[in-house]
Amino acid sequence: MEKINLLKVSPETRKIMKQQAIGLKKKHVKHKEIAETLNISIQTVDRISSAYKKEGAKCLKEKKRGRKLGEKCQLTPAQESLIYR
């Protein structure tokens, strides 16, 4: 069976999976068992666990993803507006 990629699921599903992983971790379940139970990779469980240790419950909040507006652009804003015209 293929593992669930949390980057490709909806934000609500991602939050629920994180909550379940944290809940199991609080019950002292090993990372390998959590990964098998939730059908996610061990690295994902490690990432969730370390984020929870650093940030607490704030790690459950969905962060903005992707590039910032204007970041890594090949064209200047003036060049872009010229092309749009």
Protein backbone atom coordinates (compact mmCIF):
# COMPACT_ATOMS: atom_id res chain seq x y z
CA MET A 1 0.00 0.00 0.00
CA GLU A 2 1.27 3.46 -0.90
CA LYS A 3 1.99 6.02 1.82
CA ILE A 4 -0.11 9.17 2.09
CA ASN A 5 1.73 12.32 1.00
CA LEU A 6 0.56 15.10 3.31
CA LEU A 7 1.55 17.73 0.75
CA LYS A 8 -1.08 16.43 -1.65
CA VAL A 9 -4.06 16.27 0.70
CA SER A 10 -6.41 19.05 1.77
CA PRO A 11 -5.41 21.34 4.66
CA GLU A 12 -8.20 19.89 6.83
CA THR A 13 -6.95 16.34 6.27
CA ARG A 14 -3.38 17.44 6.96
CA LYS A 15 -4.42 19.02 10.26
CA ILE A 16 -6.31 15.89 11.34
CA MET A 17 -3.36 13.64 10.48
CA LYS A 18 -1.01 15.90 12.46
CA GLN A 19 -3.38 15.85 15.45
CA GLN A 20 -3.57 12.07 15.33
CA ALA A 21 0.23 11.74 15.12
CA ILE A 22 0.71 14.11 18.06
CA GLY A 23 -1.95 12.29 20.07
CA LEU A 24 -0.24 8.96 19.51
CA LYS A 25 3.15 10.48 20.35
CA LYS A 26 1.76 11.77 23.66
CA LYS A 27 0.70 8.18 24.43
CA HIS A 28 4.38 7.17 23.96
CA VAL A 29 3.79 5.22 20.75
CA LYS A 30 6.96 4.76 18.69
CA HIS A 31 7.40 6.69 15.44
CA LYS A 32 7.44 3.51 13.38
CA GLU A 33 4.10 2.39 14.82
CA ILE A 34 2.58 5.85 14.27
CA ALA A 35 3.74 5.78 10.64
CA GLU A 36 2.23 2.34 10.08
CA THR A 37 -1.04 3.27 11.80
CA LEU A 38 -1.56 6.52 9.88
CA ASN A 39 -0.03 5.17 6.64
CA ILE A 40 2.52 7.98 6.41
CA SER A 41 6.32 7.87 6.29
CA ILE A 42 8.51 7.80 9.38
CA GLN A 43 10.20 11.00 8.19
CA THR A 44 6.82 12.74 8.21
CA VAL A 45 6.19 11.58 11.77
CA ASP A 46 9.66 12.85 12.76
CA ARG A 47 8.96 16.21 11.13
CA ILE A 48 5.58 16.56 12.87
CA SER A 49 7.07 15.52 16.22
CA SER A 50 9.98 17.96 16.06
CA ALA A 51 7.70 20.81 14.94
CA TYR A 52 5.42 20.08 17.90
CA LYS A 53 8.38 20.13 20.30
CA LYS A 54 9.51 23.51 18.96
CA GLU A 55 6.20 25.30 18.36
CA GLY A 56 3.62 23.43 20.41
CA ALA A 57 0.05 23.56 19.12
CA LYS A 58 0.99 26.35 16.67
CA CYS A 59 2.46 23.71 14.36
CA LEU A 60 -1.09 22.55 13.56
CA LYS A 61 -1.95 25.89 12.00
CA GLU A 62 -1.57 25.81 8.22
CA LYS A 63 1.33 27.93 7.03
CA LYS A 64 1.30 29.80 3.73
CA ARG A 65 2.93 27.68 1.04
CA GLY A 66 4.72 28.53 -2.19
CA ARG A 67 6.81 31.44 -3.35
CA LYS A 68 6.22 34.97 -2.21
CA LEU A 69 4.91 37.43 -4.77
CA GLY A 70 7.77 38.59 -6.97
CA GLU A 71 10.30 36.13 -5.59
CA LYS A 72 12.72 34.49 -8.06
CA CYS A 73 11.29 36.38 -11.05
CA GLN A 74 13.23 36.51 -14.28
CA LEU A 75 11.62 39.77 -15.38
CA THR A 76 11.44 43.13 -13.67
CA PRO A 77 7.97 44.53 -12.89
CA ALA A 78 8.42 47.03 -15.74
CA GLN A 79 9.17 44.21 -18.20
CA GLU A 80 6.15 42.25 -16.97
CA SER A 81 3.79 45.20 -17.45
CA LEU A 82 5.19 45.74 -20.96
CA ILE A 83 4.44 42.11 -21.86
CA TYR A 84 0.93 42.27 -20.37
CA ARG A 85 0.13 45.23 -22.63
